[in-house]
Amino acid sequence: MFKHLLIPTDGSKLSEAAVRAGIQLAKEQGAQVTALFVMPDYRAMVYGARTLIAYDLTEFEKGAQAEADVILQFAQDQAKAAGVQCKTVRVTSPSTSEAIIKEARDGHCDLICMASHGHKGITSILLGSETQKVLTNSNIPVLVHRPALGKH
């Protein structure tokens, strides 16, 4: 049924569980996966009273790249162990949900498999979770992986 799954991950435990579940589904379907890590857009400007200050955020970007390496390697290792073809993508975006939807569309994915929530955890209920934004705005089906009770 599904041929290409997009699995966005932020490296949280819940996200890792969604990676495992998505890869298992891909194995059962004979599908390939793309693991996606969305890096924050650190190019920010801070406005003073009448002064514009631009920060060199090279160190932040290096840190985000290193974090992406570790998180995407986890997905690759899981896929390899399951015998599932996996490519990885990292993008920088101010909007995680928009980046997920764009990658799913551009990568010709037919399912997005993601965790119910990530690093923000319970605060995402109040702030508007990325998963909810993807569910609301994607025309590609979304499978939301929820943790078993007591395991989050």
Protein backbone atom coordinates (compact mmCIF):
# COMPACT_ATOMS: atom_id res chain seq x y z
CA MET A 1 0.00 0.00 0.00
CA PHE A 2 2.67 2.52 1.01
CA LYS A 3 5.88 2.82 -0.98
CA HIS A 4 7.75 5.73 0.64
CA LEU A 5 7.44 6.87 4.25
CA LEU A 6 8.74 10.14 5.63
CA ILE A 7 9.78 9.80 9.27
CA PRO A 8 10.57 13.15 10.90
CA THR A 9 12.58 12.82 14.09
CA ASP A 10 13.87 15.18 16.75
CA GLY A 11 15.85 12.58 18.69
CA SER A 12 13.46 12.41 21.65
CA LYS A 13 12.56 9.02 23.10
CA LEU A 14 9.05 9.32 21.67
CA SER A 15 10.47 10.22 18.29
CA GLU A 16 12.83 7.24 18.41
CA ALA A 17 9.84 4.99 19.08
CA ALA A 18 8.10 6.48 16.04
CA VAL A 19 11.24 5.83 13.96
CA ARG A 20 11.18 2.17 15.02
CA ALA A 21 7.45 1.87 14.29
CA GLY A 22 7.75 3.61 10.92
CA ILE A 23 10.63 1.40 9.87
CA GLN A 24 8.72 -1.72 10.93
CA LEU A 25 5.74 -0.56 8.87
CA ALA A 26 8.02 0.11 5.90
CA LYS A 27 9.48 -3.39 6.24
CA GLU A 28 5.99 -4.92 6.27
CA GLN A 29 4.95 -2.85 3.25
CA GLY A 30 8.17 -3.32 1.28
CA ALA A 31 8.57 0.45 1.35
CA GLN A 32 11.53 2.79 1.61
CA VAL A 33 11.93 5.51 4.22
CA THR A 34 13.33 8.99 4.41
CA ALA A 35 14.35 10.13 7.88
CA LEU A 36 14.11 13.89 8.32
CA PHE A 37 15.68 16.18 10.90
CA VAL A 38 14.61 19.81 10.88
CA MET A 39 17.26 22.14 12.27
CA PRO A 40 16.24 25.47 13.79
CA ASP A 41 16.95 28.54 11.71
CA TYR A 42 19.47 30.28 13.94
CA ARG A 43 19.89 33.23 11.61
CA ALA A 44 18.19 35.65 13.91
CA MET A 45 18.32 39.35 14.34
CA VAL A 46 18.03 41.01 17.68
CA TYR A 47 16.60 44.48 17.63
CA GLY A 48 17.77 47.10 20.11
CA ALA A 49 16.16 50.46 20.71
CA ARG A 50 17.72 51.95 17.57
CA THR A 51 20.44 49.45 16.88
CA LEU A 52 20.29 46.28 14.86
CA ILE A 53 22.69 43.63 16.13
CA ALA A 54 23.47 40.57 14.01
CA TYR A 55 24.98 37.56 15.72
CA ASP A 56 27.40 35.08 14.17
CA LEU A 57 25.70 31.81 14.90
CA THR A 58 28.31 29.48 13.42
CA GLU A 59 28.72 27.54 16.67
CA PHE A 60 24.96 27.02 17.01
CA GLU A 61 24.80 25.74 13.44
CA LYS A 62 27.74 23.38 14.03
CA GLY A 63 25.95 22.03 17.08
CA ALA A 64 22.74 21.50 15.11
CA GLN A 65 24.67 19.64 12.40
CA ALA A 66 26.31 17.39 15.01
CA GLU A 67 22.93 16.72 16.62
CA ALA A 68 21.46 15.89 13.19
CA ASP A 69 24.32 13.46 12.54
CA VAL A 70 23.55 11.48 15.71
CA ILE A 71 19.77 11.51 15.29
CA LEU A 72 19.82 10.53 11.62
CA GLN A 73 22.42 7.82 12.25
CA PHE A 74 19.98 6.23 14.70
CA ALA A 75 17.35 6.06 11.95
CA GLN A 76 19.85 4.66 9.46
CA ASP A 77 20.98 1.99 11.94
CA GLN A 78 17.38 0.96 12.66
CA ALA A 79 16.58 0.76 8.94
CA LYS A 80 19.71 -1.22 8.15
CA ALA A 81 18.94 -3.72 10.90
CA ALA A 82 15.42 -4.15 9.46
CA GLY A 83 16.63 -4.40 5.86
CA VAL A 84 14.79 -1.22 4.85
CA GLN A 85 16.19 1.27 2.35
CA CYS A 86 16.69 4.60 4.13
CA LYS A 87 17.88 7.98 3.05
CA THR A 88 18.36 10.89 5.39
CA VAL A 89 17.57 14.56 4.93
CA ARG A 90 18.34 17.55 7.09
CA VAL A 91 16.86 20.94 6.46
CA THR A 92 16.98 24.29 8.19
CA SER A 93 13.63 25.97 8.65
CA PRO A 94 11.89 28.37 11.00
CA SER A 95 8.80 26.11 10.76
CA THR A 96 9.21 22.43 11.52
CA SER A 97 5.73 21.50 10.33
CA GLU A 98 6.13 23.32 7.02
CA ALA A 99 9.51 21.66 6.47
CA ILE A 100 8.00 18.21 7.12
CA ILE A 101 5.14 18.77 4.70
CA LYS A 102 7.45 20.22 2.03
CA GLU A 103 9.88 17.28 2.30
CA ALA A 104 7.03 14.76 2.10
CA ARG A 105 5.70 16.47 -1.02
CA ASP A 106 9.08 17.03 -2.69
CA GLY A 107 10.26 13.50 -1.82
CA HIS A 108 7.08 11.93 -3.24
CA CYS A 109 6.28 10.28 0.09
CA ASP A 110 2.87 8.68 0.47
CA LEU A 111 2.83 8.59 4.30
CA ILE A 112 4.26 10.71 7.09
CA CYS A 113 4.92 8.67 10.24
CA MET A 114 5.67 10.79 13.29
CA ALA A 115 5.51 10.87 17.07
CA SER A 116 2.51 12.34 18.85
CA HIS A 117 4.87 14.89 20.37
CA GLY A 118 8.59 15.46 20.71
CA HIS A 119 10.96 17.43 22.89
CA LYS A 120 8.31 19.94 23.91
CA GLY A 121 6.25 17.15 25.44
CA ILE A 122 3.19 18.19 27.37
CA THR A 123 3.85 21.89 26.77
CA SER A 124 3.07 21.31 23.11
CA ILE A 125 -0.57 20.88 24.07
CA LEU A 126 -0.63 24.51 25.14
CA LEU A 127 1.66 25.87 22.45
CA GLY A 128 0.37 23.95 19.44
CA SER A 129 2.35 20.85 18.55
CA GLU A 130 4.20 20.33 15.29
CA THR A 131 2.32 17.05 14.87
CA GLN A 132 -1.01 18.85 15.08
CA LYS A 133 0.16 21.40 12.51
CA VAL A 134 1.23 18.62 10.13
CA LEU A 135 -2.10 16.82 10.63
CA THR A 136 -4.00 20.03 9.91
CA ASN A 137 -2.03 21.16 6.87
CA SER A 138 -0.82 18.03 5.08
CA ASN A 139 -2.66 16.50 2.16
CA ILE A 140 -0.43 13.43 2.56
CA PRO A 141 -1.72 10.89 5.11
CA VAL A 142 -0.15 11.14 8.57
CA LEU A 143 0.29 8.20 10.93
CA VAL A 144 0.74 9.43 14.50
CA HIS A 145 2.66 7.07 16.75
CA ARG A 146 1.48 7.33 20.34
CA PRO A 147 3.48 5.89 23.22
CA ALA A 148 2.07 3.04 25.27
CA LEU A 149 0.67 4.20 28.60
CA GLY A 150 3.37 4.54 31.21
CA LYS A 151 6.17 4.49 28.64
CA HIS A 152 6.60 8.20 27.90
